[in-house]
C-alpha atoms as a PDB file:
ATOM      1  CA  THR A   1      -0.021  -0.007  -0.014  1.00  0.00           C
ATOM      2  CA  GLY A   2       1.114   3.521  -0.752  1.00  0.00           C
ATOM      3  CA  SER A   3       3.754   2.430  -3.281  1.00  0.00           C
ATOM      4  CA  GLY A   4       2.247   4.375  -6.244  1.00  0.00           C
ATOM      5  CA  LYS A   5       0.182   1.730  -8.104  1.00  0.00           C
ATOM      6  CA  THR A   6      -2.736   4.043  -8.813  1.00  0.00           C
ATOM      7  CA  PHE A   7      -0.427   6.817 -10.011  1.00  0.00           C
ATOM      8  CA  THR A   8       1.298   4.330 -12.336  1.00  0.00           C
ATOM      9  CA  ILE A   9      -2.087   3.147 -13.719  1.00  0.00           C
ATOM     10  CA  ILE A  10      -3.948   6.471 -13.831  1.00  0.00           C
ATOM     11  CA  GLY A  11      -1.323   9.203 -13.712  1.00  0.00           C
ATOM     12  CA  ASP A  12      -2.101  12.862 -13.436  1.00  0.00           C
ATOM     13  CA  SER A  13      -2.394  15.955 -15.686  1.00  0.00           C
ATOM     14  CA  GLN A  14       1.349  16.091 -16.238  1.00  0.00           C
ATOM     15  CA  ASN A  15       2.206  12.346 -16.346  1.00  0.00           C
ATOM     16  CA  ARG A  16      -0.260  10.019 -18.152  1.00  0.00           C
ATOM     17  CA  GLY A  17      -0.624   6.575 -16.667  1.00  0.00           C
ATOM     18  CA  ILE A  18      -0.935   3.182 -18.272  1.00  0.00           C
ATOM     19  CA  ILE A  19      -4.662   3.352 -18.844  1.00  0.00           C
ATOM     20  CA  PRO A  20      -4.700   6.776 -20.690  1.00  0.00           C
ATOM     21  CA  ARG A  21      -1.753   5.680 -22.778  1.00  0.00           C
ATOM     22  CA  ALA A  22      -3.315   2.304 -23.692  1.00  0.00           C
ATOM     23  CA  VAL A  23      -6.686   3.969 -24.522  1.00  0.00           C
ATOM     24  CA  THR A  24      -5.109   6.586 -26.764  1.00  0.00           C
ATOM     25  CA  SER A  25      -3.060   3.954 -28.535  1.00  0.00           C
ATOM     26  CA  MET A  26      -6.016   1.671 -29.126  1.00  0.00           C
ATOM     27  CA  PHE A  27      -8.202   4.459 -30.574  1.00  0.00           C
ATOM     28  CA  ASP A  28      -5.308   5.605 -32.815  1.00  0.00           C
ATOM     29  CA  THR A  29      -5.211   2.105 -34.316  1.00  0.00           C
ATOM     30  CA  LEU A  30      -8.958   1.864 -34.724  1.00  0.00           C
ATOM     31  CA  GLN A  31      -9.047   5.089 -36.740  1.00  0.00           C
ATOM     32  CA  HIS A  32      -7.507   3.182 -39.584  1.00  0.00           C
ATOM     33  CA  ARG A  33     -10.328   0.544 -39.561  1.00  0.00           C
ATOM     34  CA  LYS A  34     -13.750   0.912 -41.165  1.00  0.00           C
ATOM     35  CA  HIS A  35     -16.197  -0.812 -38.843  1.00  0.00           C
ATOM     36  CA  TRP A  36     -15.606  -0.870 -35.113  1.00  0.00           C
ATOM     37  CA  ALA A  37     -17.277  -0.240 -31.808  1.00  0.00           C
ATOM     38  CA  VAL A  38     -15.914   0.137 -28.234  1.00  0.00           C
ATOM     39  CA  GLU A  39     -17.710  -0.261 -24.939  1.00  0.00           C
ATOM     40  CA  VAL A  40     -16.260   0.331 -21.505  1.00  0.00           C
ATOM     41  CA  CYS A  41     -17.134  -1.036 -18.068  1.00  0.00           C
ATOM     42  CA  VAL A  42     -15.799   0.020 -14.709  1.00  0.00           C
ATOM     43  CA  LEU A  43     -16.107  -2.392 -11.858  1.00  0.00           C
ATOM     44  CA  GLU A  44     -14.496  -2.650  -8.369  1.00  0.00           C
ATOM     45  CA  ILE A  45     -14.004  -5.736  -6.244  1.00  0.00           C
ATOM     46  CA  TYR A  46     -14.723  -4.694  -2.696  1.00  0.00           C
ATOM     47  CA  ASN A  47     -14.744  -7.313   0.107  1.00  0.00           C
ATOM     48  CA  GLU A  48     -15.129 -10.083  -2.509  1.00  0.00           C
ATOM     49  CA  ARG A  49     -18.174  -8.459  -4.164  1.00  0.00           C
ATOM     50  CA  ALA A  50     -18.308  -6.893  -7.572  1.00  0.00           C
ATOM     51  CA  ARG A  51     -19.716  -3.348  -7.817  1.00  0.00           C
ATOM     52  CA  ASP A  52     -20.727  -1.443 -10.924  1.00  0.00           C
ATOM     53  CA  LEU A  53     -19.158   2.077 -10.767  1.00  0.00           C
ATOM     54  CA  LEU A  54     -21.055   3.355 -13.785  1.00  0.00           C
ATOM     55  CA  ALA A  55     -24.570   2.375 -12.593  1.00  0.00           C
ATOM     56  CA  THR A  56     -27.074   5.219 -12.939  1.00  0.00           C
ATOM     57  CA  THR A  57     -28.896   4.173  -9.701  1.00  0.00           C
ATOM     58  CA  PRO A  58     -27.940   6.030  -6.489  1.00  0.00           C
ATOM     59  CA  GLY A  59     -25.924   4.139  -3.857  1.00  0.00           C
ATOM     60  CA  VAL A  60     -23.955   0.930  -4.284  1.00  0.00           C
ATOM     61  CA  THR A  61     -24.870  -1.395  -7.158  1.00  0.00           C
ATOM     62  CA  GLN A  62     -23.620  -4.931  -6.762  1.00  0.00           C
ATOM     63  CA  VAL A  63     -23.439  -7.278  -9.752  1.00  0.00           C
ATOM     64  CA  ASP A  64     -22.913 -10.984 -10.124  1.00  0.00           C
ATOM     65  CA  ILE A  65     -20.097 -12.689 -12.055  1.00  0.00           C
ATOM     66  CA  HIS A  66     -21.412 -15.536 -14.261  1.00  0.00           C
ATOM     67  CA  GLU A  67     -19.401 -18.345 -15.753  1.00  0.00           C
ATOM     68  CA  VAL A  68     -20.199 -18.888 -19.416  1.00  0.00           C
ATOM     69  CA  MET A  69     -19.077 -21.815 -21.507  1.00  0.00           C
ATOM     70  CA  GLY A  70     -17.658 -21.178 -24.975  1.00  0.00           C
ATOM     71  CA  PRO A  71     -19.221 -22.537 -28.153  1.00  0.00           C
ATOM     72  CA  GLY A  72     -19.215 -26.289 -28.520  1.00  0.00           C
ATOM     73  CA  GLY A  73     -19.430 -28.981 -25.888  1.00  0.00           C
ATOM     74  CA  ASP A  74     -15.723 -28.573 -24.898  1.00  0.00           C
ATOM     75  CA  GLY A  75     -15.681 -24.736 -25.077  1.00  0.00           C
ATOM     76  CA  VAL A  76     -13.392 -22.815 -22.734  1.00  0.00           C
ATOM     77  CA  PRO A  77     -15.311 -21.172 -19.851  1.00  0.00           C
ATOM     78  CA  SER A  78     -15.119 -17.407 -19.269  1.00  0.00           C
ATOM     79  CA  PHE A  79     -16.590 -15.045 -16.672  1.00  0.00           C
ATOM     80  CA  HIS A  80     -18.940 -12.088 -17.439  1.00  0.00           C
ATOM     81  CA  CYS A  81     -20.970  -9.481 -15.611  1.00  0.00           C
ATOM     82  CA  PRO A  82     -23.973  -9.155 -17.868  1.00  0.00           C
ATOM     83  CA  GLU A  83     -25.829  -6.829 -15.390  1.00  0.00           C
ATOM     84  CA  ALA A  84     -22.989  -4.332 -15.305  1.00  0.00           C
ATOM     85  CA  THR A  85     -23.214  -0.998 -17.213  1.00  0.00           C
ATOM     86  CA  HIS A  86     -21.400  -1.147 -20.613  1.00  0.00           C
ATOM     87  CA  ARG A  87     -21.042   2.319 -22.122  1.00  0.00           C
ATOM     88  CA  GLU A  88     -20.362   2.893 -25.751  1.00  0.00           C
ATOM     89  CA  VAL A  89     -17.498   5.334 -26.458  1.00  0.00           C
ATOM     90  CA  ARG A  90     -16.202   6.821 -29.676  1.00  0.00           C
ATOM     91  CA  ASN A  91     -12.907   8.410 -28.580  1.00  0.00           C
ATOM     92  CA  PRO A  92     -10.304   8.424 -25.865  1.00  0.00           C
ATOM     93  CA  GLU A  93     -11.970  11.396 -24.092  1.00  0.00           C
ATOM     94  CA  GLU A  94     -15.285   9.567 -23.636  1.00  0.00           C
ATOM     95  CA  ALA A  95     -13.482   6.416 -22.418  1.00  0.00           C
ATOM     96  CA  LEU A  96     -11.452   8.319 -19.846  1.00  0.00           C
ATOM     97  CA  THR A  97     -14.498  10.260 -18.722  1.00  0.00           C
ATOM     98  CA  ALA A  98     -16.138   6.950 -17.810  1.00  0.00           C
ATOM     99  CA  LEU A  99     -12.985   5.887 -15.994  1.00  0.00           C
ATOM    100  CA  PHE A 100     -12.848   9.007 -13.811  1.00  0.00           C
ATOM    101  CA  GLU A 101     -16.514   8.789 -13.181  1.00  0.00           C
ATOM    102  CA  GLY A 102     -15.944   5.327 -11.752  1.00  0.00           C
ATOM    103  CA  LEU A 103     -12.845   6.440  -9.782  1.00  0.00           C
ATOM    104  CA  ARG A 104     -14.994   9.079  -7.985  1.00  0.00           C
ATOM    105  CA  ARG A 105     -17.241   6.287  -6.670  1.00  0.00           C
ATOM    106  CA  ARG A 106     -14.461   3.908  -5.738  1.00  0.00           C
ATOM    107  CA  GLU A 107     -13.953   2.909  -2.070  1.00  0.00           C
ATOM    108  CA  THR A 108     -10.998   4.713  -0.530  1.00  0.00           C
ATOM    109  CA  ALA A 109     -10.080   5.490   3.090  1.00  0.00           C
ATOM    110  CA  ARG A 110      -7.362   7.171   5.144  1.00  0.00           C
ATOM    111  CA  THR A 111      -4.868   4.794   6.832  1.00  0.00           C
ATOM    112  CA  ASP A 112      -1.674   5.443   8.743  1.00  0.00           C
ATOM    113  CA  MET A 113       0.363   4.562   5.624  1.00  0.00           C
ATOM    114  CA  ASN A 114      -1.728   6.254   3.036  1.00  0.00           C
ATOM    115  CA  HIS A 115      -4.142   9.252   3.233  1.00  0.00           C
ATOM    116  CA  ASN A 116      -6.088   8.065   0.147  1.00  0.00           C
ATOM    117  CA  SER A 117      -5.803   4.294   0.243  1.00  0.00           C
ATOM    118  CA  SER A 118      -7.667   2.219  -2.314  1.00  0.00           C
ATOM    119  CA  ARG A 119      -9.902  -0.270  -0.482  1.00  0.00           C
ATOM    120  CA  SER A 120     -10.868  -2.186  -3.623  1.00  0.00           C
ATOM    121  CA  HIS A 121      -9.459  -3.523  -6.884  1.00  0.00           C
ATOM    122  CA  LEU A 122     -10.566  -1.379  -9.833  1.00  0.00           C
ATOM    123  CA  ILE A 123     -11.164  -3.124 -13.161  1.00  0.00           C
ATOM    124  CA  PHE A 124     -11.491  -0.987 -16.297  1.00  0.00           C
ATOM    125  CA  THR A 125     -12.607  -3.126 -19.207  1.00  0.00           C
ATOM    126  CA  LEU A 126     -12.535  -2.254 -22.907  1.00  0.00           C
ATOM    127  CA  ASN A 127     -14.726  -4.438 -25.184  1.00  0.00           C
ATOM    128  CA  ILE A 128     -13.799  -3.982 -28.868  1.00  0.00           C
ATOM    129  CA  THR A 129     -15.755  -5.257 -31.862  1.00  0.00           C
ATOM    130  CA  GLN A 130     -14.516  -5.060 -35.485  1.00  0.00           C
ATOM    131  CA  SER A 131     -16.255  -6.163 -38.635  1.00  0.00           C
ATOM    132  CA  ASP A 132     -14.335  -7.284 -41.689  1.00  0.00           C
ATOM    133  CA  ASP A 133     -16.409  -7.115 -44.849  1.00  0.00           C
ATOM    134  CA  ALA A 134     -13.836  -9.079 -46.927  1.00  0.00           C
ATOM    135  CA  LEU A 135     -13.691 -11.968 -44.471  1.00  0.00           C
ATOM    136  CA  LYS A 136     -17.414 -11.617 -43.573  1.00  0.00           C
ATOM    137  CA  ALA A 137     -16.303 -12.006 -39.971  1.00  0.00           C
ATOM    138  CA  THR A 138     -16.669 -10.175 -36.704  1.00  0.00           C
ATOM    139  CA  LEU A 139     -13.728  -9.953 -34.354  1.00  0.00           C
ATOM    140  CA  ARG A 140     -14.162  -9.333 -30.652  1.00  0.00           C
ATOM    141  CA  GLY A 141     -11.559  -8.557 -28.040  1.00  0.00           C
ATOM    142  CA  ARG A 142     -11.559  -7.672 -24.357  1.00  0.00           C
ATOM    143  CA  LEU A 143      -8.839  -5.834 -22.454  1.00  0.00           C
ATOM    144  CA  HIS A 144      -8.857  -5.599 -18.604  1.00  0.00           C
ATOM    145  CA  LEU A 145      -6.737  -2.805 -17.038  1.00  0.00           C
ATOM    146  CA  VAL A 146      -6.548  -3.312 -13.339  1.00  0.00           C
ATOM    147  CA  ASP A 147      -5.526  -1.036 -10.454  1.00  0.00           C
ATOM    148  CA  LEU A 148      -4.879  -3.357  -7.565  1.00  0.00           C
ATOM    149  CA  ALA A 149      -5.390  -2.397  -3.939  1.00  0.00           C
ATOM    150  CA  GLY A 150      -2.192  -2.834  -1.946  1.00  0.00           C
ATOM    151  CA  CYS A 151      -1.508  -5.518   0.603  1.00  0.00           C
ATOM    152  CA  GLU A 152      -1.310  -4.329   4.196  1.00  0.00           C
ATOM    153  CA  ARG A 153       0.230  -5.309   7.510  1.00  0.00           C
ATOM    154  CA  LEU A 154      -2.316  -3.998  10.048  1.00  0.00           C
ATOM    155  CA  LYS A 155       0.379  -3.257  12.653  1.00  0.00           C
ATOM    156  CA  ARG A 156       1.635  -0.629  10.262  1.00  0.00           C
ATOM    157  CA  SER A 157      -1.508   0.660   8.582  1.00  0.00           C
ATOM    158  CA  MET A 158      -3.373   0.869  11.892  1.00  0.00           C
ATOM    159  CA  GLY A 159      -0.391   1.197  14.230  1.00  0.00           C
ATOM    160  CA  GLY A 160      -0.912   4.918  14.874  1.00  0.00           C
ATOM    161  CA  GLY A 161      -4.538   4.377  15.927  1.00  0.00           C
ATOM    162  CA  CYS A 162      -5.937   7.464  14.143  1.00  0.00           C
ATOM    163  CA  SER A 163      -7.947   9.408  16.696  1.00  0.00           C
ATOM    164  CA  ASP A 164     -10.736  10.067  14.175  1.00  0.00           C
ATOM    165  CA  LYS A 165     -11.463   6.332  13.691  1.00  0.00           C
ATOM    166  CA  THR A 166     -14.293   4.714  15.572  1.00  0.00           C
ATOM    167  CA  PRO A 167     -14.186   1.029  16.572  1.00  0.00           C
ATOM    168  CA  ARG A 168     -16.486   0.390  13.581  1.00  0.00           C
ATOM    169  CA  ASP A 169     -14.063   2.094  11.240  1.00  0.00           C
ATOM    170  CA  ARG A 170     -11.143   0.029  12.574  1.00  0.00           C
ATOM    171  CA  ASP A 171     -13.184  -3.149  12.247  1.00  0.00           C
ATOM    172  CA  MET A 172     -14.121  -2.281   8.662  1.00  0.00           C
ATOM    173  CA  GLN A 173     -10.530  -1.614   7.841  1.00  0.00           C
ATOM    174  CA  ARG A 174      -9.481  -5.021   9.196  1.00  0.00           C
ATOM    175  CA  ARG A 175     -12.115  -6.728   7.090  1.00  0.00           C
ATOM    176  CA  GLU A 176     -11.108  -4.775   4.012  1.00  0.00           C
ATOM    177  CA  ALA A 177      -7.376  -5.568   4.552  1.00  0.00           C
ATOM    178  CA  GLY A 178      -8.182  -9.222   5.070  1.00  0.00           C
ATOM    179  CA  ALA A 179     -10.186  -9.392   1.753  1.00  0.00           C
ATOM    180  CA  ILE A 180      -7.502  -7.462  -0.092  1.00  0.00           C
ATOM    181  CA  ASN A 181      -4.668  -9.695   1.156  1.00  0.00           C
ATOM    182  CA  LYS A 182      -6.566 -12.886   0.469  1.00  0.00           C
ATOM    183  CA  SER A 183      -7.356 -11.892  -3.151  1.00  0.00           C
ATOM    184  CA  LEU A 184      -3.791 -10.840  -3.831  1.00  0.00           C
ATOM    185  CA  THR A 185      -2.568 -14.162  -2.461  1.00  0.00           C
ATOM    186  CA  GLN A 186      -4.929 -15.951  -4.763  1.00  0.00           C
ATOM    187  CA  LEU A 187      -3.767 -13.871  -7.682  1.00  0.00           C
ATOM    188  CA  ALA A 188      -0.174 -14.758  -6.938  1.00  0.00           C
ATOM    189  CA  LEU A 189      -1.093 -18.461  -6.776  1.00  0.00           C
ATOM    190  CA  VAL A 190      -2.909 -18.292 -10.192  1.00  0.00           C
ATOM    191  CA  ILE A 191       0.188 -16.592 -11.732  1.00  0.00           C
ATOM    192  CA  TYR A 192       2.481 -19.167 -10.189  1.00  0.00           C
ATOM    193  CA  ARG A 193       0.401 -22.092 -11.563  1.00  0.00           C
ATOM    194  CA  LEU A 194       0.230 -20.528 -15.054  1.00  0.00           C
ATOM    195  CA  THR A 195       3.970 -20.086 -15.229  1.00  0.00           C
ATOM    196  CA  GLN A 196       4.902 -23.650 -14.118  1.00  0.00           C
ATOM    197  CA  PRO A 197       6.017 -26.021 -16.932  1.00  0.00           C
ATOM    198  CA  ALA A 198       3.686 -28.912 -17.764  1.00  0.00           C
ATOM    199  CA  SER A 199       6.265 -31.362 -16.465  1.00  0.00           C
ATOM    200  CA  VAL A 200       5.760 -30.185 -12.922  1.00  0.00           C
ATOM    201  CA  GLY A 201       2.156 -31.537 -12.997  1.00  0.00           C
ATOM    202  CA  LEU A 202       0.368 -28.549 -11.429  1.00  0.00           C
ATOM    203  CA  ARG A 203      -2.495 -28.540 -13.907  1.00  0.00           C
ATOM    204  CA  HIS A 204      -5.251 -27.070 -11.744  1.00  0.00           C
ATOM    205  CA  VAL A 205      -5.387 -23.205 -11.887  1.00  0.00           C
ATOM    206  CA  PRO A 206      -7.724 -21.938  -9.095  1.00  0.00           C
ATOM    207  CA  TYR A 207      -9.360 -19.071 -10.926  1.00  0.00           C
ATOM    208  CA  ARG A 208     -12.726 -19.555  -9.166  1.00  0.00           C
ATOM    209  CA  ASP A 209     -11.381 -19.051  -5.666  1.00  0.00           C
ATOM    210  CA  SER A 210     -11.438 -15.231  -5.891  1.00  0.00           C
ATOM    211  CA  MET A 211     -13.615 -12.587  -7.601  1.00  0.00           C
ATOM    212  CA  LEU A 212     -10.494 -10.873  -8.864  1.00  0.00           C
ATOM    213  CA  THR A 213      -9.088 -13.907 -10.639  1.00  0.00           C
ATOM    214  CA  ARG A 214     -12.526 -14.849 -12.057  1.00  0.00           C
ATOM    215  CA  LEU A 215     -12.700 -11.558 -13.918  1.00  0.00           C
END
């Protein structure tokens, strides 16, 4: 926590982060194509629940993650949030407007180590569709850009015992930190399993054990 992950991903007015750079590059490429469409979705994983940060309804809007099998009997499963808001965008400015709208609704809190600590994992998703008249085919792609919450040691992040925190606030921070650390551990395990050679025999990749790795 507090190491600069959000700054690296988002940036500021003087230094663009990974997401603004990637979005600009993608639209620059699409301008040379004839038929295309882009939709964006902004979700956060907070305490192992997915929230829609672009929902038009007031308050918190939770959405479910569904496992969908690919075409054919032996299709590869994938995970989707069909109830989440998908906003069509035509240029980088519209895409980044949606991102910053979601960021304003993201869960953050003050801790002893970070005055604006992210309490959730933010997932900014770009869904791109292209039609090729010559091939008579439609191509679809999906890009997830993720700003992870940071792992915490409670002795450090709560060690000062901020005077403005109530017992409920401290209990909430403990539960948030536990959910964050558990999901990051699961992410590390998934990456470890994916990078092991087949000869090791670790074939099971536990995607389903965390909301973060499902998406």
